[in-house]
Amino acid sequence: MNQNLLDRLALRDLVENWVVWRDACMWERFRTVWHDEGRMMATWFQGTADEFIAISKAGFEKGVRILHFLGGCSIDLAGERAIVTTKMTISQRAPVEGVECDVVCTGRFYDFWEKRDEKWGLVLRQPIYEKDRLDPVDPAQVPKLDRALLESFPVGYRHLAYLQTGIGYKVKPDMPGLTGPEVEALYAKGANWLAGGAL
């Protein structure tokens, strides 16, 4: 196998390990996916990989359940750097206005990777939130949503943001979606990364 193919296989393996190890609470293994200064961006959290692990652990112990599922993957390689874009869903179950609900958000992980000492590691993960929906677990119960609050969030993750706000998280209001200046700025940052620029 040539090096290009080996790098692509390694990157896809790491992307899949991120989801499996994070959702299964395999925190020591999960940490190996990241470089030391790696950062995670999410609706409910923005910070270092170590901070993300700590807050995810604490949330899990309080009953927070956020799960992920992966789809297709596109890898742009430039020497020791890569941008990996992976189709994904985020699902979270929690009470919404007193009714237990599931939110499923469809989007993409947009990842900045770098190979150091022959090892790939994640430098930055920025999800792109494309669309979401909210469903009561029991279809006989329907939550009455605060329309103004719901519509104050970006369309790509408004139901997810509503649920997360309701359980006490402060949600970032300007995450990238399917279109718009935020996602265009992210693509420009990715191009700069592949060209050797700093984050």
C-alpha atoms as a PDB file:
ATOM      1  CA  MET A   1       0.000   0.000   0.000  1.00  0.00           C
ATOM      2  CA  ASN A   2       1.198   3.526  -0.676  1.00  0.00           C
ATOM      3  CA  GLN A   3       1.473   6.147   2.067  1.00  0.00           C
ATOM      4  CA  ASN A   4      -1.546   8.110   0.845  1.00  0.00           C
ATOM      5  CA  LEU A   5      -3.820   5.102   1.313  1.00  0.00           C
ATOM      6  CA  LEU A   6      -2.287   4.243   4.692  1.00  0.00           C
ATOM      7  CA  ASP A   7      -2.904   7.803   5.903  1.00  0.00           C
ATOM      8  CA  ARG A   8      -6.509   7.701   4.708  1.00  0.00           C
ATOM      9  CA  LEU A   9      -7.114   4.392   6.486  1.00  0.00           C
ATOM     10  CA  ALA A  10      -5.550   5.738   9.688  1.00  0.00           C
ATOM     11  CA  LEU A  11      -7.675   8.888   9.606  1.00  0.00           C
ATOM     12  CA  ARG A  12     -10.926   7.022   9.016  1.00  0.00           C
ATOM     13  CA  ASP A  13     -10.033   4.645  11.838  1.00  0.00           C
ATOM     14  CA  LEU A  14      -9.487   7.581  14.198  1.00  0.00           C
ATOM     15  CA  VAL A  15     -12.768   9.230  13.193  1.00  0.00           C
ATOM     16  CA  GLU A  16     -14.636   6.009  13.970  1.00  0.00           C
ATOM     17  CA  ASN A  17     -12.742   5.471  17.225  1.00  0.00           C
ATOM     18  CA  TRP A  18     -13.702   8.988  18.364  1.00  0.00           C
ATOM     19  CA  VAL A  19     -17.394   8.133  18.204  1.00  0.00           C
ATOM     20  CA  VAL A  20     -17.210   4.605  19.611  1.00  0.00           C
ATOM     21  CA  TRP A  21     -14.872   5.452  22.490  1.00  0.00           C
ATOM     22  CA  ARG A  22     -16.594   8.721  23.421  1.00  0.00           C
ATOM     23  CA  ASP A  23     -20.104   7.257  23.466  1.00  0.00           C
ATOM     24  CA  ALA A  24     -18.926   4.171  25.383  1.00  0.00           C
ATOM     25  CA  CYS A  25     -17.129   6.348  28.001  1.00  0.00           C
ATOM     26  CA  MET A  26     -13.734   4.805  27.159  1.00  0.00           C
ATOM     27  CA  TRP A  27     -12.029   8.025  28.157  1.00  0.00           C
ATOM     28  CA  GLU A  28      -8.378   6.899  28.223  1.00  0.00           C
ATOM     29  CA  ARG A  29      -8.649   5.471  24.721  1.00  0.00           C
ATOM     30  CA  PHE A  30     -10.639   8.505  23.580  1.00  0.00           C
ATOM     31  CA  ARG A  31      -7.852  10.842  24.708  1.00  0.00           C
ATOM     32  CA  THR A  32      -5.386   9.103  22.354  1.00  0.00           C
ATOM     33  CA  VAL A  33      -7.302  10.418  19.334  1.00  0.00           C
ATOM     34  CA  TRP A  34      -6.290  14.013  20.153  1.00  0.00           C
ATOM     35  CA  HIS A  35      -3.050  15.970  20.054  1.00  0.00           C
ATOM     36  CA  ASP A  36      -2.192  17.626  23.375  1.00  0.00           C
ATOM     37  CA  GLU A  37      -3.658  21.015  22.426  1.00  0.00           C
ATOM     38  CA  GLY A  38      -6.677  19.542  20.618  1.00  0.00           C
ATOM     39  CA  ARG A  39      -9.921  21.501  20.871  1.00  0.00           C
ATOM     40  CA  MET A  40     -13.575  20.522  20.648  1.00  0.00           C
ATOM     41  CA  MET A  41     -16.378  22.772  19.482  1.00  0.00           C
ATOM     42  CA  ALA A  42     -20.005  21.826  20.144  1.00  0.00           C
ATOM     43  CA  THR A  43     -23.297  23.583  20.736  1.00  0.00           C
ATOM     44  CA  TRP A  44     -22.976  23.096  24.489  1.00  0.00           C
ATOM     45  CA  PHE A  45     -19.185  23.167  24.960  1.00  0.00           C
ATOM     46  CA  GLN A  46     -16.084  24.813  23.483  1.00  0.00           C
ATOM     47  CA  GLY A  47     -12.656  24.041  24.888  1.00  0.00           C
ATOM     48  CA  THR A  48      -9.751  21.636  25.106  1.00  0.00           C
ATOM     49  CA  ALA A  49      -9.974  17.876  24.677  1.00  0.00           C
ATOM     50  CA  ASP A  50      -9.172  17.404  28.357  1.00  0.00           C
ATOM     51  CA  GLU A  51     -11.943  19.814  29.382  1.00  0.00           C
ATOM     52  CA  PHE A  52     -14.318  18.059  26.988  1.00  0.00           C
ATOM     53  CA  ILE A  53     -13.539  14.695  28.565  1.00  0.00           C
ATOM     54  CA  ALA A  54     -14.053  16.067  32.078  1.00  0.00           C
ATOM     55  CA  ILE A  55     -17.375  17.736  31.284  1.00  0.00           C
ATOM     56  CA  SER A  56     -18.590  14.717  29.295  1.00  0.00           C
ATOM     57  CA  LYS A  57     -17.789  12.445  32.240  1.00  0.00           C
ATOM     58  CA  ALA A  58     -19.599  14.743  34.650  1.00  0.00           C
ATOM     59  CA  GLY A  59     -22.606  14.999  32.346  1.00  0.00           C
ATOM     60  CA  PHE A  60     -22.818  11.238  31.899  1.00  0.00           C
ATOM     61  CA  GLU A  61     -22.803  10.778  35.666  1.00  0.00           C
ATOM     62  CA  LYS A  62     -25.763  13.202  35.878  1.00  0.00           C
ATOM     63  CA  GLY A  63     -27.693  11.284  33.213  1.00  0.00           C
ATOM     64  CA  VAL A  64     -26.813  13.273  30.077  1.00  0.00           C
ATOM     65  CA  ARG A  65     -26.897  10.989  27.047  1.00  0.00           C
ATOM     66  CA  ILE A  66     -25.482  12.300  23.751  1.00  0.00           C
ATOM     67  CA  LEU A  67     -24.816   9.647  21.099  1.00  0.00           C
ATOM     68  CA  HIS A  68     -23.339   9.768  17.594  1.00  0.00           C
ATOM     69  CA  PHE A  69     -23.638   7.806  14.369  1.00  0.00           C
ATOM     70  CA  LEU A  70     -21.376   8.145  11.333  1.00  0.00           C
ATOM     71  CA  GLY A  71     -21.908   8.058   7.586  1.00  0.00           C
ATOM     72  CA  GLY A  72     -19.704   8.819   4.588  1.00  0.00           C
ATOM     73  CA  CYS A  73     -16.285  10.407   4.925  1.00  0.00           C
ATOM     74  CA  SER A  74     -14.242  12.736   2.695  1.00  0.00           C
ATOM     75  CA  ILE A  75     -10.529  13.191   3.333  1.00  0.00           C
ATOM     76  CA  ASP A  76      -8.417  16.061   1.975  1.00  0.00           C
ATOM     77  CA  LEU A  77      -4.716  15.309   2.492  1.00  0.00           C
ATOM     78  CA  ALA A  78      -1.844  17.761   2.211  1.00  0.00           C
ATOM     79  CA  GLY A  79       1.345  16.148   3.454  1.00  0.00           C
ATOM     80  CA  GLU A  80       1.248  16.020   7.253  1.00  0.00           C
ATOM     81  CA  ARG A  81      -2.126  17.767   7.466  1.00  0.00           C
ATOM     82  CA  ALA A  82      -5.672  16.763   6.647  1.00  0.00           C
ATOM     83  CA  ILE A  83      -9.230  17.994   6.724  1.00  0.00           C
ATOM     84  CA  VAL A  84     -11.661  15.129   7.287  1.00  0.00           C
ATOM     85  CA  THR A  85     -15.379  15.725   6.772  1.00  0.00           C
ATOM     86  CA  THR A  86     -17.720  12.990   8.003  1.00  0.00           C
ATOM     87  CA  LYS A  87     -21.507  12.773   7.765  1.00  0.00           C
ATOM     88  CA  MET A  88     -22.968  12.191  11.226  1.00  0.00           C
ATOM     89  CA  THR A  89     -25.990  12.376  13.467  1.00  0.00           C
ATOM     90  CA  ILE A  90     -26.086  13.547  17.067  1.00  0.00           C
ATOM     91  CA  SER A  91     -28.928  12.225  19.205  1.00  0.00           C
ATOM     92  CA  GLN A  92     -29.838  13.327  22.701  1.00  0.00           C
ATOM     93  CA  ARG A  93     -32.690  12.284  25.007  1.00  0.00           C
ATOM     94  CA  ALA A  94     -33.920  14.572  27.786  1.00  0.00           C
ATOM     95  CA  PRO A  95     -37.103  16.115  29.178  1.00  0.00           C
ATOM     96  CA  VAL A  96     -38.445  18.998  27.083  1.00  0.00           C
ATOM     97  CA  GLU A  97     -41.140  21.043  28.843  1.00  0.00           C
ATOM     98  CA  GLY A  98     -41.848  18.040  31.051  1.00  0.00           C
ATOM     99  CA  VAL A  99     -42.023  15.479  28.222  1.00  0.00           C
ATOM    100  CA  GLU A 100     -39.210  13.006  27.530  1.00  0.00           C
ATOM    101  CA  CYS A 101     -38.009  13.646  23.986  1.00  0.00           C
ATOM    102  CA  ASP A 102     -35.370  12.620  21.481  1.00  0.00           C
ATOM    103  CA  VAL A 103     -33.605  15.186  19.324  1.00  0.00           C
ATOM    104  CA  VAL A 104     -31.714  13.989  16.255  1.00  0.00           C
ATOM    105  CA  CYS A 105     -29.427  16.452  14.498  1.00  0.00           C
ATOM    106  CA  THR A 106     -27.889  15.652  11.107  1.00  0.00           C
ATOM    107  CA  GLY A 107     -24.665  17.287  10.044  1.00  0.00           C
ATOM    108  CA  ARG A 108     -20.959  16.817   9.474  1.00  0.00           C
ATOM    109  CA  PHE A 109     -17.859  16.660  11.597  1.00  0.00           C
ATOM    110  CA  TYR A 110     -15.269  18.996  10.064  1.00  0.00           C
ATOM    111  CA  ASP A 111     -11.920  17.963  11.530  1.00  0.00           C
ATOM    112  CA  PHE A 112      -8.425  19.433  11.442  1.00  0.00           C
ATOM    113  CA  TRP A 113      -5.807  16.651  11.734  1.00  0.00           C
ATOM    114  CA  GLU A 114      -2.020  16.725  11.830  1.00  0.00           C
ATOM    115  CA  LYS A 115       0.590  13.969  11.641  1.00  0.00           C
ATOM    116  CA  ARG A 116       3.415  14.363  14.170  1.00  0.00           C
ATOM    117  CA  ASP A 117       6.140  11.784  14.780  1.00  0.00           C
ATOM    118  CA  GLU A 118       4.305   9.414  12.400  1.00  0.00           C
ATOM    119  CA  LYS A 119       1.072   9.675  14.414  1.00  0.00           C
ATOM    120  CA  TRP A 120      -2.118  11.409  13.321  1.00  0.00           C
ATOM    121  CA  GLY A 121      -3.964  13.405  15.985  1.00  0.00           C
ATOM    122  CA  LEU A 122      -7.010  15.644  16.108  1.00  0.00           C
ATOM    123  CA  VAL A 123      -6.262  19.347  16.476  1.00  0.00           C
ATOM    124  CA  LEU A 124      -9.797  20.754  16.126  1.00  0.00           C
ATOM    125  CA  ARG A 125     -13.267  19.249  15.679  1.00  0.00           C
ATOM    126  CA  GLN A 126     -15.951  21.648  14.467  1.00  0.00           C
ATOM    127  CA  PRO A 127     -19.370  20.157  13.748  1.00  0.00           C
ATOM    128  CA  ILE A 128     -21.560  21.585  11.011  1.00  0.00           C
ATOM    129  CA  TYR A 129     -25.247  21.436  11.954  1.00  0.00           C
ATOM    130  CA  GLU A 130     -27.514  20.940   8.940  1.00  0.00           C
ATOM    131  CA  LYS A 131     -30.985  20.045  10.269  1.00  0.00           C
ATOM    132  CA  ASP A 132     -32.644  18.582  13.319  1.00  0.00           C
ATOM    133  CA  ARG A 133     -35.963  17.360  14.689  1.00  0.00           C
ATOM    134  CA  LEU A 134     -37.579  16.679  18.049  1.00  0.00           C
ATOM    135  CA  ASP A 135     -39.805  13.681  18.799  1.00  0.00           C
ATOM    136  CA  PRO A 136     -41.538  12.732  22.045  1.00  0.00           C
ATOM    137  CA  VAL A 137     -40.529   9.268  23.221  1.00  0.00           C
ATOM    138  CA  ASP A 138     -44.215   8.600  23.979  1.00  0.00           C
ATOM    139  CA  PRO A 139     -46.193   9.857  20.953  1.00  0.00           C
ATOM    140  CA  ALA A 140     -49.258  10.359  23.171  1.00  0.00           C
ATOM    141  CA  GLN A 141     -47.437  13.242  24.889  1.00  0.00           C
ATOM    142  CA  VAL A 142     -46.495  16.425  23.070  1.00  0.00           C
ATOM    143  CA  PRO A 143     -44.371  19.169  24.652  1.00  0.00           C
ATOM    144  CA  LYS A 144     -45.587  22.753  24.309  1.00  0.00           C
ATOM    145  CA  LEU A 145     -42.556  24.622  23.014  1.00  0.00           C
ATOM    146  CA  ASP A 146     -41.771  28.274  23.568  1.00  0.00           C
ATOM    147  CA  ARG A 147     -41.865  29.410  19.933  1.00  0.00           C
ATOM    148  CA  ALA A 148     -39.805  32.550  20.501  1.00  0.00           C
ATOM    149  CA  LEU A 149     -37.057  30.610  22.270  1.00  0.00           C
ATOM    150  CA  LEU A 150     -37.024  27.891  19.610  1.00  0.00           C
ATOM    151  CA  GLU A 151     -36.757  30.387  16.756  1.00  0.00           C
ATOM    152  CA  SER A 152     -33.959  32.285  18.491  1.00  0.00           C
ATOM    153  CA  PHE A 153     -31.582  29.425  17.627  1.00  0.00           C
ATOM    154  CA  PRO A 154     -30.111  28.704  14.165  1.00  0.00           C
ATOM    155  CA  VAL A 155     -32.318  26.488  12.036  1.00  0.00           C
ATOM    156  CA  GLY A 156     -29.741  23.695  11.757  1.00  0.00           C
ATOM    157  CA  TYR A 157     -29.736  22.902  15.475  1.00  0.00           C
ATOM    158  CA  ARG A 158     -32.655  24.786  17.017  1.00  0.00           C
ATOM    159  CA  HIS A 159     -34.361  21.753  18.574  1.00  0.00           C
ATOM    160  CA  LEU A 160     -31.056  20.467  19.953  1.00  0.00           C
ATOM    161  CA  ALA A 161     -30.309  23.924  21.379  1.00  0.00           C
ATOM    162  CA  TYR A 162     -33.807  24.132  22.901  1.00  0.00           C
ATOM    163  CA  LEU A 163     -33.357  20.779  24.649  1.00  0.00           C
ATOM    164  CA  GLN A 164     -29.840  21.615  25.843  1.00  0.00           C
ATOM    165  CA  THR A 165     -30.870  25.043  27.113  1.00  0.00           C
ATOM    166  CA  GLY A 166     -33.729  23.424  28.997  1.00  0.00           C
ATOM    167  CA  ILE A 167     -31.356  21.154  30.936  1.00  0.00           C
ATOM    168  CA  GLY A 168     -29.024  23.987  31.847  1.00  0.00           C
ATOM    169  CA  TYR A 169     -26.410  24.313  29.106  1.00  0.00           C
ATOM    170  CA  LYS A 170     -25.424  27.647  27.549  1.00  0.00           C
ATOM    171  CA  VAL A 171     -25.648  27.048  23.801  1.00  0.00           C
ATOM    172  CA  LYS A 172     -23.349  28.791  21.306  1.00  0.00           C
ATOM    173  CA  PRO A 173     -25.606  30.761  18.938  1.00  0.00           C
ATOM    174  CA  ASP A 174     -23.395  30.977  15.837  1.00  0.00           C
ATOM    175  CA  MET A 175     -22.259  27.477  14.930  1.00  0.00           C
ATOM    176  CA  PRO A 176     -21.890  26.701  11.202  1.00  0.00           C
ATOM    177  CA  GLY A 177     -24.879  25.313   9.326  1.00  0.00           C
ATOM    178  CA  LEU A 178     -25.500  23.973   5.847  1.00  0.00           C
ATOM    179  CA  THR A 179     -25.058  27.437   4.312  1.00  0.00           C
ATOM    180  CA  GLY A 180     -24.090  30.902   5.477  1.00  0.00           C
ATOM    181  CA  PRO A 181     -21.057  32.970   6.496  1.00  0.00           C
ATOM    182  CA  GLU A 182     -20.113  30.702   9.424  1.00  0.00           C
ATOM    183  CA  VAL A 183     -19.647  27.621   7.260  1.00  0.00           C
ATOM    184  CA  GLU A 184     -17.899  29.628   4.531  1.00  0.00           C
ATOM    185  CA  ALA A 185     -15.446  30.936   7.139  1.00  0.00           C
ATOM    186  CA  LEU A 186     -14.877  27.362   8.325  1.00  0.00           C
ATOM    187  CA  TYR A 187     -14.105  26.179   4.788  1.00  0.00           C
ATOM    188  CA  ALA A 188     -11.623  29.068   4.416  1.00  0.00           C
ATOM    189  CA  LYS A 189      -9.971  28.064   7.703  1.00  0.00           C
ATOM    190  CA  GLY A 190      -9.725  24.493   6.417  1.00  0.00           C
ATOM    191  CA  ALA A 191      -8.091  25.612   3.169  1.00  0.00           C
ATOM    192  CA  ASN A 192      -5.618  27.714   5.142  1.00  0.00           C
ATOM    193  CA  TRP A 193      -4.835  24.708   7.374  1.00  0.00           C
ATOM    194  CA  LEU A 194      -4.087  22.510   4.375  1.00  0.00           C
ATOM    195  CA  ALA A 195      -1.856  25.256   2.960  1.00  0.00           C
ATOM    196  CA  GLY A 196       0.250  25.240   6.147  1.00  0.00           C
ATOM    197  CA  GLY A 197      -1.385  28.122   7.999  1.00  0.00           C
ATOM    198  CA  ALA A 198      -2.045  28.356  11.706  1.00  0.00           C
ATOM    199  CA  LEU A 199      -5.435  27.836  13.314  1.00  0.00           C
END
